[in-house]
Protein backbone atom coordinates (compact mmCIF):
# COMPACT_ATOMS: atom_id res chain seq x y z
CA MET A 1 130.93 19.92 4.53
CA ASN A 2 129.46 21.87 1.63
CA HIS A 3 127.94 25.00 3.14
CA TYR A 4 126.61 26.33 -0.17
CA LEU A 5 123.53 24.12 -0.49
CA SER A 6 120.25 25.96 -0.92
CA ARG A 7 117.58 25.18 1.66
CA ARG A 8 115.46 23.46 -1.03
CA SER A 9 118.42 21.33 -2.14
CA PHE A 10 119.29 20.45 1.45
CA VAL A 11 115.71 19.39 2.23
CA LYS A 12 115.58 17.34 -0.99
CA GLN A 13 118.79 15.49 -0.08
CA SER A 14 117.53 14.84 3.46
CA VAL A 15 114.38 13.30 1.97
CA ILE A 16 116.48 11.15 -0.41
CA ALA A 17 118.61 9.97 2.51
CA ALA A 18 115.55 9.24 4.65
CA GLY A 19 113.95 7.27 1.81
CA ALA A 20 117.06 5.15 1.41
CA VAL A 21 117.33 4.40 5.13
CA MET A 22 114.31 2.07 5.35
CA LEU A 23 115.45 -0.21 2.54
CA SER A 24 119.16 -0.16 3.32
CA ASN A 25 118.60 -0.76 7.03
CA SER A 26 116.89 -4.04 6.19
CA VAL A 27 120.06 -5.11 4.33
CA LEU A 28 122.72 -3.61 6.58
CA GLY A 29 121.03 -3.98 9.95
CA LYS A 30 120.14 -0.93 12.01
CA VAL A 31 122.15 2.08 10.82
CA ASN A 32 122.25 4.88 13.37
CA LEU A 33 122.41 8.00 11.24
CA ALA A 34 123.99 11.16 12.57
CA LYS A 35 121.91 14.35 12.47
CA PRO A 36 121.36 15.59 8.88
CA ASN A 37 123.76 18.54 9.27
CA GLU A 38 126.47 16.19 10.58
CA ARG A 39 126.46 13.88 7.54
CA VAL A 40 128.80 14.05 4.56
CA ASN A 41 127.08 14.05 1.13
CA LEU A 42 128.84 11.17 -0.62
CA ALA A 43 128.90 10.29 -4.33
CA CYS A 44 129.97 6.76 -5.22
CA VAL A 45 131.88 5.89 -8.42
CA GLY A 46 131.94 2.14 -8.94
CA LEU A 47 128.97 0.21 -7.51
CA GLY A 48 129.66 -3.53 -7.78
CA ASN A 49 131.99 -6.12 -6.27
CA ARG A 50 134.50 -4.47 -3.88
CA ALA A 51 132.97 -1.03 -4.53
CA ALA A 52 129.66 -2.27 -3.11
CA ASP A 53 131.41 -3.36 0.10
CA ILE A 54 133.01 0.08 0.45
CA ILE A 55 129.68 1.89 -0.02
CA LYS A 56 127.97 -0.32 2.57
CA GLU A 57 130.77 0.22 5.09
CA LEU A 58 130.77 3.98 4.57
CA TYR A 59 126.98 4.13 4.92
CA LYS A 60 126.96 1.88 8.03
CA THR A 61 128.97 4.52 9.93
CA GLY A 62 125.85 6.71 9.90
CA LEU A 63 128.04 9.65 8.91
CA CYS A 64 127.04 10.05 5.25
CA ASN A 65 124.16 10.48 2.83
CA ILE A 66 124.50 8.60 -0.47
CA VAL A 67 123.56 11.40 -2.90
CA ALA A 68 124.78 10.07 -6.29
CA LEU A 69 125.64 6.69 -7.83
CA CYS A 70 127.89 6.23 -10.86
CA ASP A 71 128.98 3.14 -12.81
CA VAL A 72 129.87 2.45 -16.45
CA ASP A 73 127.50 -0.56 -16.37
CA LEU A 74 124.32 0.37 -14.51
CA GLY A 75 122.57 -2.66 -16.01
CA ALA A 76 125.09 -5.23 -14.77
CA LYS A 77 124.04 -7.82 -12.16
CA HIS A 78 126.76 -6.74 -9.74
CA THR A 79 125.52 -3.12 -9.57
CA GLN A 80 121.90 -3.98 -8.74
CA GLU A 81 122.28 -4.43 -4.98
CA ILE A 82 123.54 -0.89 -4.40
CA LEU A 83 121.07 0.59 -6.89
CA GLY A 84 118.30 -1.16 -4.97
CA MET A 85 119.53 0.04 -1.60
CA PHE A 86 119.56 3.70 -2.64
CA PRO A 87 116.77 3.89 -5.24
CA ASP A 88 116.29 7.66 -5.01
CA ALA A 89 119.94 8.64 -5.51
CA PRO A 90 120.53 10.07 -9.04
CA LYS A 91 122.36 7.61 -11.31
CA PHE A 92 125.13 8.33 -13.83
CA LYS A 93 127.32 6.33 -16.22
CA ASP A 94 130.00 9.03 -16.55
CA PHE A 95 131.63 10.54 -13.45
CA ARG A 96 132.29 13.77 -15.39
CA VAL A 97 128.57 14.23 -16.05
CA MET A 98 127.82 13.46 -12.40
CA PHE A 99 130.20 16.16 -11.16
CA ASP A 100 128.94 18.59 -13.79
CA LYS A 101 125.29 18.14 -12.84
CA MET A 102 125.59 17.59 -9.08
CA GLY A 103 128.91 19.11 -8.07
CA ASN A 104 127.41 21.57 -5.60
CA GLN A 105 125.54 18.76 -3.79
CA ILE A 106 128.61 16.53 -3.30
CA ASP A 107 131.10 16.81 -0.43
CA ALA A 108 133.07 13.60 -0.98
CA VAL A 109 133.46 10.69 -3.38
CA SER A 110 134.27 6.99 -3.00
CA VAL A 111 136.26 5.46 -5.88
CA GLY A 112 135.87 1.69 -6.15
CA THR A 113 136.80 1.19 -9.81
CA PRO A 114 139.69 -0.87 -11.31
CA ASP A 115 143.24 0.26 -10.39
CA PHE A 116 143.92 2.01 -13.71
CA SER A 117 140.77 4.14 -13.48
CA HIS A 118 141.29 5.61 -9.99
CA PHE A 119 143.43 8.41 -11.35
CA ALA A 120 141.15 10.60 -13.48
CA ILE A 121 138.20 10.36 -11.07
CA THR A 122 140.39 11.32 -8.12
CA MET A 123 142.12 14.20 -9.92
CA LEU A 124 138.82 15.73 -11.03
CA ALA A 125 137.27 15.29 -7.58
CA LEU A 126 140.21 17.03 -5.87
CA ASP A 127 140.11 19.84 -8.45
CA LEU A 128 136.44 20.35 -7.61
CA GLY A 129 137.15 20.49 -3.87
CA LYS A 130 135.81 17.03 -2.97
CA HIS A 131 137.23 14.72 -0.31
CA VAL A 132 138.29 11.35 -1.79
CA TYR A 133 138.24 7.74 -0.56
CA VAL A 134 140.02 5.56 -3.16
CA GLU A 135 140.58 1.81 -3.11
CA LYS A 136 144.13 0.48 -2.88
CA PRO A 137 146.55 0.82 -4.56
CA MET A 138 146.16 4.52 -5.31
CA ALA A 139 146.80 4.14 -9.06
CA ARG A 140 148.48 1.89 -11.62
CA THR A 141 151.53 3.99 -12.56
CA PHE A 142 154.20 5.71 -10.50
CA LEU A 143 153.47 9.06 -12.20
CA GLU A 144 149.73 8.86 -11.54
CA VAL A 145 150.35 8.24 -7.84
CA GLU A 146 152.81 11.16 -7.77
CA LEU A 147 150.29 13.53 -9.39
CA MET A 148 147.49 12.42 -7.04
CA ALA A 149 149.70 12.99 -3.98
CA ASN A 150 150.82 16.39 -5.31
CA LYS A 151 147.21 17.42 -5.98
CA ALA A 152 146.21 16.42 -2.44
CA ARG A 153 149.19 18.34 -1.03
CA LYS A 154 147.99 21.48 -2.84
CA ASN A 155 144.53 21.02 -1.27
CA PRO A 156 145.37 20.36 2.41
CA LYS A 157 141.80 20.98 3.59
CA LEU A 158 140.57 17.98 1.61
CA ALA A 159 140.58 14.58 3.32
CA THR A 160 142.07 11.70 1.31
CA GLN A 161 142.07 8.03 2.27
CA MET A 162 143.35 4.93 0.49
CA GLY A 163 141.29 1.81 1.18
CA ASN A 164 143.71 -0.43 3.05
CA GLN A 165 141.19 -0.80 5.88
CA GLY A 166 143.53 -2.60 8.30
CA HIS A 167 145.41 0.71 8.60
CA SER A 168 142.76 1.82 11.10
CA GLU A 169 142.62 -1.39 13.12
CA ALA A 170 144.63 -3.35 15.70
CA ASN A 171 147.67 -3.96 13.49
CA TYR A 172 148.18 -0.21 12.98
CA PHE A 173 147.98 0.74 16.67
CA GLN A 174 150.09 -2.23 17.82
CA PHE A 175 152.90 -1.56 15.33
CA LYS A 176 152.90 2.13 16.24
CA ALA A 177 152.99 1.42 20.00
CA TRP A 178 155.67 -1.28 19.71
CA LYS A 179 157.84 0.93 17.50
CA GLU A 180 157.54 3.91 19.89
CA ALA A 181 158.34 1.66 22.87
CA GLY A 182 161.48 0.29 21.16
CA ILE A 183 160.13 -3.27 20.86
CA ILE A 184 160.31 -3.03 17.06
CA LYS A 185 163.74 -1.57 16.26
CA ASP A 186 166.78 -2.23 14.08
CA VAL A 187 164.71 -4.11 11.46
CA THR A 188 166.91 -5.32 8.59
CA ARG A 189 164.64 -7.72 6.70
CA ILE A 190 160.97 -8.38 6.05
CA ASP A 191 159.72 -11.44 4.18
CA ALA A 192 156.21 -10.72 2.87
CA HIS A 193 154.13 -13.54 1.41
CA MET A 194 150.86 -14.02 -0.47
CA ASN A 195 150.51 -17.65 -1.48
CA MET A 196 146.80 -17.96 -2.27
CA PRO A 197 145.53 -18.82 -5.77
CA ARG A 198 145.18 -15.91 -8.18
CA ARG A 199 142.81 -15.40 -11.11
CA TRP A 200 145.49 -15.97 -13.78
CA HIS A 201 146.86 -19.19 -12.33
CA GLY A 202 146.32 -21.81 -14.99
CA TRP A 203 146.39 -19.41 -17.93
CA ASP A 204 148.62 -20.11 -20.95
CA VAL A 205 151.94 -18.32 -20.31
CA ASN A 206 152.84 -18.72 -23.99
CA MET A 207 150.02 -16.36 -25.00
CA LYS A 208 150.98 -14.37 -28.12
CA GLY A 209 148.33 -11.63 -27.88
CA PHE A 210 145.35 -10.35 -25.94
CA PRO A 211 142.21 -12.52 -25.94
CA ALA A 212 139.92 -12.28 -28.98
CA ALA A 213 137.27 -9.57 -29.19
CA GLU A 214 133.82 -10.50 -27.85
CA MET A 215 130.44 -8.81 -28.09
CA ILE A 216 130.28 -5.86 -25.71
CA PRO A 217 127.39 -6.20 -23.22
CA GLU A 218 124.59 -3.81 -24.21
CA THR A 219 124.61 -2.04 -20.84
CA LEU A 220 128.39 -1.45 -20.68
CA ASP A 221 130.12 1.70 -21.94
CA TRP A 222 133.33 -0.05 -22.99
CA ASP A 223 135.27 3.06 -24.05
CA LEU A 224 134.47 4.79 -20.77
CA TRP A 225 135.47 1.64 -18.83
CA GLN A 226 138.93 1.84 -20.47
CA MET A 227 139.33 5.57 -19.76
CA GLN A 228 142.87 6.72 -20.64
CA THR A 229 143.89 3.18 -21.71
CA ILE A 230 141.52 3.05 -24.73
CA GLY A 231 142.79 0.59 -27.37
CA HIS A 232 141.66 -2.87 -26.21
CA ASN A 233 138.83 -4.94 -27.66
CA TYR A 234 136.25 -6.06 -25.11
CA ASN A 235 136.72 -9.50 -23.57
CA LYS A 236 135.08 -10.86 -20.41
CA ASP A 237 138.60 -11.59 -19.09
CA PHE A 238 139.24 -7.84 -18.78
CA VAL A 239 136.30 -6.95 -16.49
CA ASN A 240 134.82 -7.75 -13.07
CA GLY A 241 138.08 -8.33 -11.24
CA GLN A 242 139.81 -10.04 -14.18
CA TRP A 243 141.55 -6.71 -14.87
CA ARG A 244 143.84 -7.54 -11.93
CA CYS A 245 145.61 -10.11 -14.11
CA TRP A 246 146.95 -7.79 -16.83
CA TYR A 247 149.90 -5.38 -16.76
CA ASP A 248 147.78 -2.93 -18.82
CA PHE A 249 145.04 -2.72 -16.19
CA GLY A 250 146.04 -4.15 -12.82
CA MET A 251 148.81 -4.62 -10.27
CA GLY A 252 148.87 -8.38 -9.72
CA ALA A 253 149.20 -9.96 -6.28
CA LEU A 254 151.62 -7.26 -5.09
CA GLY A 255 149.29 -4.33 -5.77
CA ASP A 256 146.28 -6.26 -4.50
CA TRP A 257 147.73 -7.48 -1.20
CA GLY A 258 150.88 -5.43 -0.55
CA ALA A 259 148.93 -2.53 0.98
CA HIS A 260 147.34 -4.96 3.47
CA ILE A 261 150.63 -6.63 4.43
CA LEU A 262 153.37 -3.97 4.29
CA ASP A 263 151.47 -0.79 5.19
CA THR A 264 152.43 -0.46 8.86
CA ALA A 265 156.07 -1.41 8.35
CA HIS A 266 156.33 1.07 5.48
CA GLU A 267 154.87 3.94 7.49
CA PHE A 268 156.39 3.39 10.93
CA LEU A 269 159.83 2.31 9.70
CA ASP A 270 159.96 5.42 7.46
CA LEU A 271 160.80 3.38 4.38
CA GLY A 272 159.89 5.83 1.64
CA LEU A 273 161.16 4.63 -1.75
CA PRO A 274 163.62 1.80 -2.40
CA THR A 275 166.92 2.44 -4.19
CA GLU A 276 166.92 -1.01 -5.82
CA VAL A 277 164.15 -3.38 -6.91
CA SER A 278 165.03 -6.81 -8.33
CA ALA A 279 163.01 -9.58 -9.93
CA VAL A 280 164.81 -12.44 -8.16
CA LYS A 281 162.70 -15.30 -9.57
CA LEU A 282 159.66 -15.31 -11.86
CA ASP A 283 157.88 -18.54 -12.82
CA GLY A 284 155.50 -18.43 -15.78
CA TYR A 285 156.85 -15.07 -16.91
CA ASN A 286 155.22 -13.54 -20.01
CA SER A 287 154.56 -10.12 -21.58
CA TYR A 288 150.83 -9.81 -20.94
CA PHE A 289 149.83 -10.94 -17.47
CA PHE A 290 151.47 -11.49 -14.11
CA PRO A 291 153.77 -14.46 -13.45
CA MET A 292 152.51 -17.63 -11.79
CA SER A 293 154.88 -16.84 -8.94
CA SER A 294 157.22 -13.96 -8.17
CA THR A 295 160.05 -13.33 -5.76
CA LEU A 296 160.97 -9.65 -5.65
CA LYS A 297 163.56 -7.85 -3.54
CA PHE A 298 163.26 -4.19 -2.49
CA HIS A 299 166.30 -2.51 -0.93
CA PHE A 300 165.71 0.51 1.31
CA PRO A 301 168.75 2.51 2.44
CA LYS A 302 169.62 3.55 5.99
CA ARG A 303 167.19 6.13 7.43
CA LYS A 304 168.39 8.36 10.31
CA LYS A 305 169.19 5.86 13.08
CA MET A 306 167.51 2.93 11.31
CA PRO A 307 169.63 0.40 9.38
CA ALA A 308 169.19 -0.45 5.71
CA LEU A 309 166.35 -2.89 5.15
CA ASP A 310 165.39 -5.45 2.50
CA ILE A 311 161.81 -6.51 1.77
CA ASN A 312 161.52 -9.88 0.05
CA TRP A 313 158.12 -10.41 -1.59
CA TYR A 314 156.87 -13.93 -2.34
CA ASP A 315 153.69 -14.74 -4.29
CA GLY A 316 152.58 -17.94 -6.02
CA LEU A 317 151.13 -21.18 -4.65
CA ASP A 318 154.40 -22.93 -3.85
CA ASN A 319 156.66 -19.91 -3.45
CA LEU A 320 157.05 -19.66 0.32
CA PRO A 321 159.62 -17.64 2.26
CA PRO A 322 162.08 -19.40 4.58
CA ILE A 323 160.21 -20.26 7.79
CA PRO A 324 162.20 -19.48 10.95
CA GLU A 325 162.47 -21.94 13.82
CA GLY A 326 159.67 -21.54 16.33
CA TYR A 327 157.29 -20.01 13.75
CA GLY A 328 154.40 -22.21 14.89
CA VAL A 329 151.19 -22.80 12.97
CA SER A 330 149.94 -20.23 10.49
CA GLY A 331 146.29 -20.85 11.41
CA LEU A 332 143.24 -19.37 9.72
CA ASP A 333 142.95 -15.77 10.81
CA PRO A 334 139.41 -14.30 10.69
CA ASN A 335 140.95 -10.87 9.99
CA ILE A 336 142.18 -12.08 6.59
CA PRO A 337 139.48 -12.09 3.89
CA ALA A 338 139.30 -14.89 1.35
CA PRO A 339 140.99 -14.09 -1.98
CA SER A 340 138.77 -12.75 -4.76
CA THR A 341 139.09 -15.88 -6.93
CA GLY A 342 135.57 -17.03 -6.16
CA LYS A 343 137.01 -20.19 -4.57
CA LEU A 344 137.95 -20.83 -0.96
CA GLU A 345 141.11 -22.87 -1.12
CA PRO A 346 143.48 -23.66 1.74
CA ALA A 347 146.80 -21.82 1.69
CA LYS A 348 150.00 -23.32 3.04
CA LEU A 349 150.70 -20.00 4.70
CA ASN A 350 148.25 -17.18 5.27
CA PRO A 351 149.10 -13.83 3.65
CA GLY A 352 151.45 -11.94 5.96
CA LYS A 353 155.03 -11.16 6.88
CA ILE A 354 158.01 -12.24 8.95
CA ILE A 355 159.95 -9.29 10.37
CA TYR A 356 163.61 -9.77 11.35
CA SER A 357 165.23 -7.26 13.71
CA LYS A 358 168.56 -7.29 15.53
CA ASP A 359 167.13 -8.94 18.66
CA LEU A 360 163.63 -10.19 17.81
CA ILE A 361 161.63 -11.95 15.09
CA PHE A 362 157.95 -11.14 14.57
CA LYS A 363 155.33 -12.97 12.54
CA GLY A 364 152.19 -11.23 11.32
CA GLY A 365 149.28 -11.60 8.94
CA SER A 366 147.60 -8.99 6.80
CA HIS A 367 144.85 -6.39 7.24
CA ALA A 368 144.05 -5.98 10.98
CA SER A 369 146.06 -9.01 12.14
CA THR A 370 148.51 -8.25 14.95
CA LEU A 371 152.16 -9.28 15.28
CA GLN A 372 153.48 -12.04 17.50
CA ILE A 373 157.03 -12.38 18.79
CA ILE A 374 158.49 -15.79 17.92
CA PRO A 375 159.43 -18.30 19.24
CA GLU A 376 156.79 -18.59 21.98
CA ALA A 377 159.40 -18.74 24.75
CA LYS A 378 160.75 -15.34 23.66
CA ALA A 379 157.21 -13.93 23.53
CA LYS A 380 156.58 -15.01 27.14
CA GLU A 381 159.90 -13.50 28.23
CA MET A 382 158.95 -10.15 26.60
CA GLU A 383 155.34 -10.10 27.85
CA SER A 384 155.85 -7.81 30.82
CA ARG A 385 157.75 -5.25 28.70
CA LEU A 386 155.11 -4.85 26.01
CA PRO A 387 153.29 -1.50 26.02
CA GLU A 388 149.53 -1.15 26.22
CA VAL A 389 148.05 -0.81 22.73
CA PRO A 390 145.23 1.74 22.41
CA LYS A 391 141.97 0.75 20.76
CA SER A 392 141.05 2.34 17.44
CA PRO A 393 138.80 5.39 17.88
CA SER A 394 137.18 4.75 14.47
CA ASN A 395 137.29 2.22 11.68
CA HIS A 396 138.80 3.19 8.31
CA PHE A 397 135.49 4.35 6.85
CA ALA A 398 134.44 6.44 9.84
CA ASN A 399 137.99 7.83 9.99
CA PHE A 400 137.59 9.09 6.40
CA LEU A 401 134.18 10.66 6.99
CA LYS A 402 135.36 12.25 10.24
CA GLY A 403 138.36 13.50 8.25
CA CYS A 404 135.93 15.15 5.81
CA LYS A 405 134.36 16.95 8.77
CA GLY A 406 137.74 17.98 10.23
CA GLU A 407 137.28 15.81 13.33
CA GLU A 408 140.13 13.32 12.70
CA LYS A 409 143.23 13.05 10.54
CA THR A 410 142.90 10.25 7.98
CA ARG A 411 145.34 7.42 8.67
CA SER A 412 146.01 6.43 5.06
CA ALA A 413 146.07 9.90 3.51
CA PHE A 414 147.80 10.22 0.14
CA GLU A 415 150.96 11.56 1.82
CA ILE A 416 151.23 8.16 3.59
CA ALA A 417 149.66 5.92 0.93
CA GLY A 418 151.44 7.53 -2.05
CA PRO A 419 155.01 6.30 -1.43
CA LEU A 420 153.65 2.87 -0.41
CA SER A 421 151.69 2.62 -3.69
CA GLN A 422 154.79 3.71 -5.61
CA VAL A 423 156.76 0.83 -4.08
CA PHE A 424 154.23 -1.53 -5.71
CA CYS A 425 154.44 0.34 -9.04
CA LEU A 426 158.21 -0.22 -9.02
CA GLY A 427 157.77 -3.90 -8.16
CA VAL A 428 155.36 -4.35 -11.08
CA ILE A 429 157.86 -2.76 -13.51
CA ALA A 430 160.55 -5.19 -12.27
CA GLN A 431 158.09 -8.06 -12.83
CA ARG A 432 157.08 -6.80 -16.25
CA LEU A 433 160.69 -6.47 -17.47
CA ASN A 434 162.11 -9.34 -15.40
CA SER A 435 164.98 -7.09 -14.38
CA LYS A 436 166.70 -5.09 -11.67
CA LEU A 437 165.90 -1.39 -11.29
CA ILE A 438 168.10 1.26 -9.68
CA LEU A 439 166.12 4.31 -8.55
CA ASN A 440 167.42 7.80 -7.79
CA THR A 441 165.00 8.58 -4.96
CA GLN A 442 165.69 12.33 -5.17
CA THR A 443 164.85 12.76 -8.88
CA LYS A 444 162.48 9.74 -8.85
CA GLU A 445 164.05 8.30 -11.98
CA ILE A 446 165.18 4.77 -12.83
CA VAL A 447 168.79 5.38 -13.81
CA ASN A 448 169.90 1.99 -15.19
CA ASP A 449 167.14 1.27 -17.72
CA LYS A 450 165.54 3.86 -20.05
CA PHE A 451 162.62 1.60 -20.93
CA ALA A 452 161.87 0.94 -17.25
CA ASN A 453 162.11 4.68 -16.59
CA ALA A 454 159.51 5.30 -19.34
CA LEU A 455 157.17 2.84 -17.59
CA LEU A 456 157.08 5.12 -14.54
CA ALA A 457 154.65 7.20 -16.63
CA GLY A 458 153.37 4.43 -18.88
CA PRO A 459 151.96 5.03 -22.37
CA PRO A 460 150.50 8.47 -23.16
CA PRO A 461 146.80 8.79 -22.24
CA ALA A 462 144.17 8.38 -24.95
CA ARG A 463 142.82 11.58 -26.53
CA GLY A 464 140.43 13.39 -24.21
CA TRP A 465 142.12 12.18 -21.01
CA GLU A 466 145.30 14.30 -21.19
CA GLN A 467 143.83 17.09 -19.03
CA TYR A 468 144.01 15.01 -15.84
CA TYR A 469 147.79 14.73 -16.18
CA LYS A 470 148.28 18.53 -16.04
CA MET A 471 148.72 19.99 -12.57
């Protein structure tokens, strides 16, 4: 917590928080707020769409005051709900101005902006001594993730958390318990799959350039939205989630869903970085946006007593992994949110994974969904040997805020989330170049392709944004 608030400032913030409670409680249900001196003063960068969900979840824990709101489009429809819930919180378009004017009243920040814009906000926040909750994946380029993790390592008293919320729920504690009990061991292959419709499905894969310039909405600061990527003309297909579609802004299906599907296996099987990443099959491949379907292969070498392991990633509507005998029905799992396409469409297979070990096969979903041993007969045979799985002491949002207060260790801190996010960065480079990459995991260089190696850093930042890339 920030112990340098003046009494007047502290009282003012308490009044702001109290004023927000009445309105927000009517929207969020009854929020039981901790005592004023037990709450974290939270600034929120990004207010609409997924960012709004994050803010509501953080506030519902009762462990924070919302003391500042920041968005590059304060007049947009999607920002109005949060602005209405916390009407007395100061509002800013530019996160740099917010930190400049209110830095001493902020303990922590939530970052719910597009993937490419996580980096600068997070780096400045850490430099200013603020705890950071950032949506997944951590950043868009391998270098940005590396710098964010290094910055967090240099500031060990600051809590960091990446927003793969299932990493604080049943899936996390089950995988950990089963690994420690030797139920999950000698894993050699994981088939991960995300076969729901994506925003770019149906686009013209023969596109020869970015979409034509459109009139910039009056309320939007377009240059600030682009941050270090300045150089694109405004088009509605770049904003409000559409950024996920483009190599220049987003991370495709892999970056969007990988952190919800592969997070526990990556952490508890000590995977680190792969030595090889291959684009096995890309349908609808083009230079601008993500393929219609992708099959990627990640090879992880032997680790201590654990054998080498391959992760096969499948995305696209009809691009399913091989289904083992005795798999059973996928079923609609309430732990798996609908995709952000705006349409609820049935999937042939829910997002998830099939884990192959020497003696057992497991099937699992994404987010909080737990694993099952397959076939059913094998599951029944193993039942008596399965360890008790502890319940989560806190959800992902409370875990972060308790981390800010030094009461818990965050479960998806940058030291854990960084290498996982870098796996996705490597996968996206393989997709973008339709090639195979060989990585030296010690030097963190791609050794077989100079152009791919340059994409680890991506293009130089636009003028005025270079400072965030200096440690």
